[in-house]
C-alpha atoms as a PDB file:
ATOM      1  CA  GLN A   1       0.000   0.000   0.000  1.00  0.00           C
ATOM      2  CA  THR A   2       2.929   2.330   0.691  1.00  0.00           C
ATOM      3  CA  LEU A   3       4.143   2.048  -2.909  1.00  0.00           C
ATOM      4  CA  LEU A   4       0.891   1.579  -4.793  1.00  0.00           C
ATOM      5  CA  GLY A   5      -1.320   3.906  -2.785  1.00  0.00           C
ATOM      6  CA  ARG A   6      -4.595   2.880  -1.182  1.00  0.00           C
ATOM      7  CA  GLU A   7      -6.528   2.784  -4.484  1.00  0.00           C
ATOM      8  CA  GLY A   8      -3.775   0.977  -6.410  1.00  0.00           C
ATOM      9  CA  PHE A   9      -3.474  -1.615  -3.648  1.00  0.00           C
ATOM     10  CA  ARG A  10      -7.251  -2.156  -3.650  1.00  0.00           C
ATOM     11  CA  ARG A  11      -7.293  -2.549  -7.462  1.00  0.00           C
ATOM     12  CA  GLY A  12      -4.487  -5.109  -7.192  1.00  0.00           C
ATOM     13  CA  LEU A  13      -6.320  -7.133  -4.552  1.00  0.00           C
ATOM     14  CA  ASP A  14      -9.538  -7.018  -6.570  1.00  0.00           C
ATOM     15  CA  ALA A  15      -7.660  -8.236  -9.675  1.00  0.00           C
ATOM     16  CA  TYR A  16      -5.983 -10.998  -7.666  1.00  0.00           C
ATOM     17  CA  PHE A  17      -9.254 -12.338  -6.245  1.00  0.00           C
ATOM     18  CA  GLU A  18     -11.060 -12.006  -9.582  1.00  0.00           C
ATOM     19  CA  ARG A  19      -8.382 -14.058 -11.337  1.00  0.00           C
ATOM     20  CA  HIS A  20      -7.382 -16.557  -8.656  1.00  0.00           C
ATOM     21  CA  ASP A  21     -10.039 -16.875  -5.930  1.00  0.00           C
ATOM     22  CA  GLY A  22     -10.116 -20.484  -4.782  1.00  0.00           C
ATOM     23  CA  SER A  23      -7.000 -21.466  -6.750  1.00  0.00           C
ATOM     24  CA  ALA A  24      -3.459 -22.315  -5.770  1.00  0.00           C
ATOM     25  CA  VAL A  25      -1.195 -19.640  -7.238  1.00  0.00           C
ATOM     26  CA  SER A  26       2.461 -18.675  -7.372  1.00  0.00           C
ATOM     27  CA  CYS A  27       4.123 -15.510  -6.084  1.00  0.00           C
ATOM     28  CA  ASP A  28       4.478 -14.387  -9.706  1.00  0.00           C
ATOM     29  CA  GLU A  29       0.717 -14.534 -10.205  1.00  0.00           C
ATOM     30  CA  PHE A  30       0.195 -12.490  -7.050  1.00  0.00           C
ATOM     31  CA  TRP A  31       2.712  -9.855  -8.209  1.00  0.00           C
ATOM     32  CA  ASP A  32       1.168  -9.780 -11.696  1.00  0.00           C
ATOM     33  CA  ALA A  33      -2.234  -9.024 -10.181  1.00  0.00           C
ATOM     34  CA  MET A  34      -0.895  -6.444  -7.729  1.00  0.00           C
ATOM     35  CA  LEU A  35       1.550  -4.652 -10.000  1.00  0.00           C
ATOM     36  CA  GLY A  36       0.444  -5.458 -13.566  1.00  0.00           C
ATOM     37  CA  GLY A  37       2.508  -3.178 -15.804  1.00  0.00           C
ATOM     38  CA  HIS A  38       3.688  -0.998 -12.903  1.00  0.00           C
ATOM     39  CA  PRO A  39       7.353   0.063 -13.213  1.00  0.00           C
ATOM     40  CA  LEU A  40       8.080  -1.317  -9.720  1.00  0.00           C
ATOM     41  CA  LYS A  41       7.263  -4.866 -10.804  1.00  0.00           C
ATOM     42  CA  ASP A  42      10.821  -5.709 -11.859  1.00  0.00           C
ATOM     43  CA  ALA A  43      12.283  -4.261  -8.661  1.00  0.00           C
ATOM     44  CA  PHE A  44      10.146  -6.581  -6.541  1.00  0.00           C
ATOM     45  CA  HIS A  45      11.420  -9.655  -8.366  1.00  0.00           C
ATOM     46  CA  LEU A  46      14.873  -9.084  -6.851  1.00  0.00           C
ATOM     47  CA  TRP A  47      13.431 -10.321  -3.552  1.00  0.00           C
ATOM     48  CA  TYR A  48      13.004 -13.732  -5.211  1.00  0.00           C
ATOM     49  CA  GLU A  49      15.971 -13.706  -7.590  1.00  0.00           C
ATOM     50  CA  GLN A  50      18.821 -13.027  -5.182  1.00  0.00           C
ATOM     51  CA  ALA A  51      19.465 -14.609  -1.816  1.00  0.00           C
ATOM     52  CA  GLY A  52      20.025 -12.769   1.432  1.00  0.00           C
ATOM     53  CA  THR A  53      18.271 -10.201   3.551  1.00  0.00           C
ATOM     54  CA  PRO A  54      19.341  -6.587   3.110  1.00  0.00           C
ATOM     55  CA  THR A  55      20.339  -4.450   6.065  1.00  0.00           C
ATOM     56  CA  VAL A  56      19.578  -0.732   5.968  1.00  0.00           C
ATOM     57  CA  PHE A  57      21.817   1.670   7.876  1.00  0.00           C
ATOM     58  CA  ALA A  58      20.642   5.197   8.670  1.00  0.00           C
ATOM     59  CA  THR A  59      22.591   8.281   9.678  1.00  0.00           C
ATOM     60  CA  HIS A  60      21.398  11.842  10.031  1.00  0.00           C
ATOM     61  CA  SER A  61      22.664  15.386  10.325  1.00  0.00           C
ATOM     62  CA  TYR A  62      20.910  18.613  11.190  1.00  0.00           C
ATOM     63  CA  ASP A  63      21.830  22.043   9.839  1.00  0.00           C
ATOM     64  CA  GLU A  64      20.605  24.466  12.495  1.00  0.00           C
ATOM     65  CA  ALA A  65      21.068  27.551  10.303  1.00  0.00           C
ATOM     66  CA  ALA A  66      19.048  26.063   7.430  1.00  0.00           C
ATOM     67  CA  LYS A  67      16.684  24.186   9.769  1.00  0.00           C
ATOM     68  CA  ALA A  68      17.274  21.128   7.563  1.00  0.00           C
ATOM     69  CA  LEU A  69      17.426  17.507   8.649  1.00  0.00           C
ATOM     70  CA  THR A  70      19.282  15.174   6.291  1.00  0.00           C
ATOM     71  CA  ILE A  71      18.837  11.437   6.597  1.00  0.00           C
ATOM     72  CA  HIS A  72      21.169   9.118   4.701  1.00  0.00           C
ATOM     73  CA  LEU A  73      20.139   5.507   4.092  1.00  0.00           C
ATOM     74  CA  ARG A  74      22.605   2.844   2.958  1.00  0.00           C
ATOM     75  CA  GLN A  75      21.758  -0.730   2.077  1.00  0.00           C
ATOM     76  CA  GLU A  76      24.043  -3.741   2.331  1.00  0.00           C
ATOM     77  CA  LEU A  77      23.307  -7.216   1.023  1.00  0.00           C
ATOM     78  CA  PRO A  78      25.415 -10.035   2.462  1.00  0.00           C
ATOM     79  CA  ARG A  79      27.226 -12.413   0.172  1.00  0.00           C
ATOM     80  CA  THR A  80      25.613 -15.838   0.198  1.00  0.00           C
ATOM     81  CA  PRO A  81      26.763 -19.264  -1.052  1.00  0.00           C
ATOM     82  CA  GLY A  82      26.683 -19.410  -4.837  1.00  0.00           C
ATOM     83  CA  ASP A  83      27.125 -15.654  -5.382  1.00  0.00           C
ATOM     84  CA  VAL A  84      28.875 -14.908  -8.636  1.00  0.00           C
ATOM     85  CA  GLY A  85      30.380 -11.596  -9.658  1.00  0.00           C
ATOM     86  CA  SER A  86      31.034  -8.415  -7.758  1.00  0.00           C
ATOM     87  CA  GLY A  87      27.783  -8.065  -5.912  1.00  0.00           C
ATOM     88  CA  LYS A  88      24.064  -7.872  -5.807  1.00  0.00           C
ATOM     89  CA  ARG A  89      21.639  -5.217  -6.937  1.00  0.00           C
ATOM     90  CA  PRO A  90      19.989  -3.058  -4.257  1.00  0.00           C
ATOM     91  CA  MET A  91      16.537  -4.172  -3.173  1.00  0.00           C
ATOM     92  CA  LEU A  92      13.524  -1.881  -3.263  1.00  0.00           C
ATOM     93  CA  ILE A  93      12.646  -1.137   0.357  1.00  0.00           C
ATOM     94  CA  PRO A  94       9.810   1.295   1.088  1.00  0.00           C
ATOM     95  CA  VAL A  95      10.635   3.742   3.858  1.00  0.00           C
ATOM     96  CA  SER A  96       8.089   5.799   5.765  1.00  0.00           C
ATOM     97  CA  LEU A  97       9.255   8.687   7.868  1.00  0.00           C
ATOM     98  CA  GLY A  98       7.640  10.683  10.612  1.00  0.00           C
ATOM     99  CA  LEU A  99       8.982  13.358  12.914  1.00  0.00           C
ATOM    100  CA  LEU A 100       7.923  14.186  16.462  1.00  0.00           C
ATOM    101  CA  SER A 101       8.306  17.418  18.380  1.00  0.00           C
ATOM    102  CA  PRO A 102       9.935  17.387  21.836  1.00  0.00           C
ATOM    103  CA  SER A 103       6.417  17.111  23.309  1.00  0.00           C
ATOM    104  CA  GLY A 104       5.653  14.057  21.142  1.00  0.00           C
ATOM    105  CA  ALA A 105       3.326  15.764  18.657  1.00  0.00           C
ATOM    106  CA  ASP A 106       3.492  14.912  14.957  1.00  0.00           C
ATOM    107  CA  MET A 107       5.502  17.424  12.934  1.00  0.00           C
ATOM    108  CA  GLU A 108       4.843  18.354   9.325  1.00  0.00           C
ATOM    109  CA  ILE A 109       7.521  17.338   6.833  1.00  0.00           C
ATOM    110  CA  PRO A 110       7.503  20.278   4.391  1.00  0.00           C
ATOM    111  CA  SER A 111       9.620  18.641   1.665  1.00  0.00           C
ATOM    112  CA  VAL A 112      11.513  15.498   0.824  1.00  0.00           C
ATOM    113  CA  ALA A 113      14.382  15.351  -1.654  1.00  0.00           C
ATOM    114  CA  ARG A 114      15.838  12.130  -2.988  1.00  0.00           C
ATOM    115  CA  ASP A 115      19.519  11.927  -3.735  1.00  0.00           C
ATOM    116  CA  GLY A 116      21.246   9.062  -5.500  1.00  0.00           C
ATOM    117  CA  GLY A 117      20.079   6.111  -7.549  1.00  0.00           C
END
Protein backbone atom coordinates (compact mmCIF):
# COMPACT_ATOMS: atom_id res chain seq x y z
CA GLN A 1 0.00 0.00 0.00
CA THR A 2 2.93 2.33 0.69
CA LEU A 3 4.14 2.05 -2.91
CA LEU A 4 0.89 1.58 -4.79
CA GLY A 5 -1.32 3.91 -2.78
CA ARG A 6 -4.59 2.88 -1.18
CA GLU A 7 -6.53 2.78 -4.48
CA GLY A 8 -3.77 0.98 -6.41
CA PHE A 9 -3.47 -1.61 -3.65
CA ARG A 10 -7.25 -2.16 -3.65
CA ARG A 11 -7.29 -2.55 -7.46
CA GLY A 12 -4.49 -5.11 -7.19
CA LEU A 13 -6.32 -7.13 -4.55
CA ASP A 14 -9.54 -7.02 -6.57
CA ALA A 15 -7.66 -8.24 -9.67
CA TYR A 16 -5.98 -11.00 -7.67
CA PHE A 17 -9.25 -12.34 -6.25
CA GLU A 18 -11.06 -12.01 -9.58
CA ARG A 19 -8.38 -14.06 -11.34
CA HIS A 20 -7.38 -16.56 -8.66
CA ASP A 21 -10.04 -16.88 -5.93
CA GLY A 22 -10.12 -20.48 -4.78
CA SER A 23 -7.00 -21.47 -6.75
CA ALA A 24 -3.46 -22.31 -5.77
CA VAL A 25 -1.19 -19.64 -7.24
CA SER A 26 2.46 -18.68 -7.37
CA CYS A 27 4.12 -15.51 -6.08
CA ASP A 28 4.48 -14.39 -9.71
CA GLU A 29 0.72 -14.53 -10.20
CA PHE A 30 0.19 -12.49 -7.05
CA TRP A 31 2.71 -9.86 -8.21
CA ASP A 32 1.17 -9.78 -11.70
CA ALA A 33 -2.23 -9.02 -10.18
CA MET A 34 -0.89 -6.44 -7.73
CA LEU A 35 1.55 -4.65 -10.00
CA GLY A 36 0.44 -5.46 -13.57
CA GLY A 37 2.51 -3.18 -15.80
CA HIS A 38 3.69 -1.00 -12.90
CA PRO A 39 7.35 0.06 -13.21
CA LEU A 40 8.08 -1.32 -9.72
CA LYS A 41 7.26 -4.87 -10.80
CA ASP A 42 10.82 -5.71 -11.86
CA ALA A 43 12.28 -4.26 -8.66
CA PHE A 44 10.15 -6.58 -6.54
CA HIS A 45 11.42 -9.66 -8.37
CA LEU A 46 14.87 -9.08 -6.85
CA TRP A 47 13.43 -10.32 -3.55
CA TYR A 48 13.00 -13.73 -5.21
CA GLU A 49 15.97 -13.71 -7.59
CA GLN A 50 18.82 -13.03 -5.18
CA ALA A 51 19.47 -14.61 -1.82
CA GLY A 52 20.03 -12.77 1.43
CA THR A 53 18.27 -10.20 3.55
CA PRO A 54 19.34 -6.59 3.11
CA THR A 55 20.34 -4.45 6.06
CA VAL A 56 19.58 -0.73 5.97
CA PHE A 57 21.82 1.67 7.88
CA ALA A 58 20.64 5.20 8.67
CA THR A 59 22.59 8.28 9.68
CA HIS A 60 21.40 11.84 10.03
CA SER A 61 22.66 15.39 10.32
CA TYR A 62 20.91 18.61 11.19
CA ASP A 63 21.83 22.04 9.84
CA GLU A 64 20.60 24.47 12.49
CA ALA A 65 21.07 27.55 10.30
CA ALA A 66 19.05 26.06 7.43
CA LYS A 67 16.68 24.19 9.77
CA ALA A 68 17.27 21.13 7.56
CA LEU A 69 17.43 17.51 8.65
CA THR A 70 19.28 15.17 6.29
CA ILE A 71 18.84 11.44 6.60
CA HIS A 72 21.17 9.12 4.70
CA LEU A 73 20.14 5.51 4.09
CA ARG A 74 22.61 2.84 2.96
CA GLN A 75 21.76 -0.73 2.08
CA GLU A 76 24.04 -3.74 2.33
CA LEU A 77 23.31 -7.22 1.02
CA PRO A 78 25.41 -10.03 2.46
CA ARG A 79 27.23 -12.41 0.17
CA THR A 80 25.61 -15.84 0.20
CA PRO A 81 26.76 -19.26 -1.05
CA GLY A 82 26.68 -19.41 -4.84
CA ASP A 83 27.12 -15.65 -5.38
CA VAL A 84 28.87 -14.91 -8.64
CA GLY A 85 30.38 -11.60 -9.66
CA SER A 86 31.03 -8.42 -7.76
CA GLY A 87 27.78 -8.07 -5.91
CA LYS A 88 24.06 -7.87 -5.81
CA ARG A 89 21.64 -5.22 -6.94
CA PRO A 90 19.99 -3.06 -4.26
CA MET A 91 16.54 -4.17 -3.17
CA LEU A 92 13.52 -1.88 -3.26
CA ILE A 93 12.65 -1.14 0.36
CA PRO A 94 9.81 1.29 1.09
CA VAL A 95 10.63 3.74 3.86
CA SER A 96 8.09 5.80 5.76
CA LEU A 97 9.26 8.69 7.87
CA GLY A 98 7.64 10.68 10.61
CA LEU A 99 8.98 13.36 12.91
CA LEU A 100 7.92 14.19 16.46
CA SER A 101 8.31 17.42 18.38
CA PRO A 102 9.94 17.39 21.84
CA SER A 103 6.42 17.11 23.31
CA GLY A 104 5.65 14.06 21.14
CA ALA A 105 3.33 15.76 18.66
CA ASP A 106 3.49 14.91 14.96
CA MET A 107 5.50 17.42 12.93
CA GLU A 108 4.84 18.35 9.33
CA ILE A 109 7.52 17.34 6.83
CA PRO A 110 7.50 20.28 4.39
CA SER A 111 9.62 18.64 1.66
CA VAL A 112 11.51 15.50 0.82
CA ALA A 113 14.38 15.35 -1.65
CA ARG A 114 15.84 12.13 -2.99
CA ASP A 115 19.52 11.93 -3.74
CA GLY A 116 21.25 9.06 -5.50
CA GLY A 117 20.08 6.11 -7.55
